[in-house]
Amino acid sequence: MLHGEGIETYESDVDAAAGVIGSPFMPREYRLYILNDGDAPRTNEILIELGAFRGPPARKVPLRSSWKLRLFLLAIGIVLIVVATV
């Protein structure tokens, strides 16, 4: 449908390994990659019309690490080095 509209896409399974060992009763999930950013609004319209649209794409939120977490990980690393050298 999208290729008929002149929208270039690439589709793939979410997890090819899970698709092989998964149950035939489990729903298959796919990822759709739009090759041209300008095609995104029309692609969303088509997906909504087909009923395949779940909502807006998830935002990428950067992970924030506090100084306490960094200190804790540093302490674990030091303990592991000391244990490995003893």
Protein backbone atom coordinates (compact mmCIF):
# COMPACT_ATOMS: atom_id res chain seq x y z
CA MET A 1 0.00 0.00 0.00
CA LEU A 2 2.74 2.47 0.89
CA HIS A 3 4.82 1.63 -2.18
CA GLY A 4 1.72 2.34 -4.30
CA GLU A 5 1.66 5.83 -2.79
CA GLY A 6 5.33 6.36 -3.73
CA ILE A 7 6.54 6.00 -0.13
CA GLU A 8 9.81 4.10 0.18
CA THR A 9 9.92 1.85 3.25
CA TYR A 10 11.86 -0.99 4.78
CA GLU A 11 10.05 -3.56 6.92
CA SER A 12 11.52 -6.08 9.37
CA ASP A 13 10.44 -8.41 12.16
CA VAL A 14 10.82 -6.98 15.66
CA ASP A 15 12.90 -9.98 16.66
CA ALA A 16 13.69 -12.53 13.99
CA ALA A 17 14.94 -15.07 16.54
CA ALA A 18 11.70 -14.92 18.53
CA GLY A 19 9.70 -15.32 15.34
CA VAL A 20 11.37 -18.65 14.62
CA ILE A 21 10.83 -20.19 18.05
CA GLY A 22 7.60 -18.36 18.87
CA SER A 23 4.22 -19.99 18.94
CA PRO A 24 2.10 -19.76 15.80
CA PHE A 25 -0.63 -18.34 18.06
CA MET A 26 1.49 -15.38 19.09
CA PRO A 27 0.91 -12.19 17.07
CA ARG A 28 3.75 -11.15 14.82
CA GLU A 29 5.12 -7.64 15.18
CA TYR A 30 6.95 -5.70 12.52
CA ARG A 31 8.93 -2.50 12.30
CA LEU A 32 8.34 -0.09 9.48
CA TYR A 33 11.15 2.26 8.52
CA ILE A 34 10.33 5.27 6.35
CA LEU A 35 13.29 6.16 4.17
CA ASN A 36 12.28 9.80 3.54
CA ASP A 37 11.30 11.98 6.51
CA GLY A 38 8.92 13.99 4.36
CA ASP A 39 6.74 10.90 3.85
CA ALA A 40 5.97 10.52 7.58
CA PRO A 41 2.69 12.52 7.67
CA ARG A 42 1.18 10.62 4.70
CA THR A 43 2.40 7.30 6.11
CA ASN A 44 0.67 8.06 9.42
CA GLU A 45 -2.55 8.87 7.57
CA ILE A 46 -2.42 5.57 5.67
CA LEU A 47 -1.64 3.56 8.82
CA ILE A 48 -4.56 5.20 10.64
CA GLU A 49 -6.88 4.37 7.73
CA LEU A 50 -5.71 0.74 7.80
CA GLY A 51 -6.08 0.50 11.58
CA ALA A 52 -2.41 -0.39 12.02
CA PHE A 53 -1.42 2.76 13.90
CA ARG A 54 -0.98 2.38 17.67
CA GLY A 55 -0.11 5.92 18.59
CA PRO A 56 2.75 8.36 18.37
CA PRO A 57 6.25 6.91 18.26
CA ALA A 58 8.04 6.52 21.57
CA ARG A 59 10.39 9.34 22.46
CA LYS A 60 13.98 8.53 23.18
CA VAL A 61 14.68 9.72 26.69
CA PRO A 62 18.34 9.89 27.69
CA LEU A 63 19.21 7.95 30.81
CA ARG A 64 20.42 10.11 33.65
CA SER A 65 22.78 8.62 36.13
CA SER A 66 23.27 10.27 39.46
CA TRP A 67 26.61 10.64 41.19
CA LYS A 68 25.48 8.02 43.72
CA LEU A 69 24.97 5.42 40.99
CA ARG A 70 28.35 6.23 39.45
CA LEU A 71 30.04 5.97 42.84
CA PHE A 72 28.31 2.64 43.52
CA LEU A 73 29.38 1.21 40.14
CA LEU A 74 32.93 2.44 40.70
CA ALA A 75 33.01 0.74 44.11
CA ILE A 76 31.78 -2.54 42.60
CA GLY A 77 34.46 -2.30 39.92
CA ILE A 78 37.19 -1.72 42.49
CA VAL A 79 35.98 -4.67 44.61
CA LEU A 80 35.96 -6.92 41.54
CA ILE A 81 39.49 -5.89 40.62
CA VAL A 82 40.72 -6.50 44.16
CA VAL A 83 39.00 -9.92 44.32
CA ALA A 84 40.40 -10.90 40.91
CA THR A 85 43.96 -10.02 41.88
CA VAL A 86 43.91 -11.84 45.24
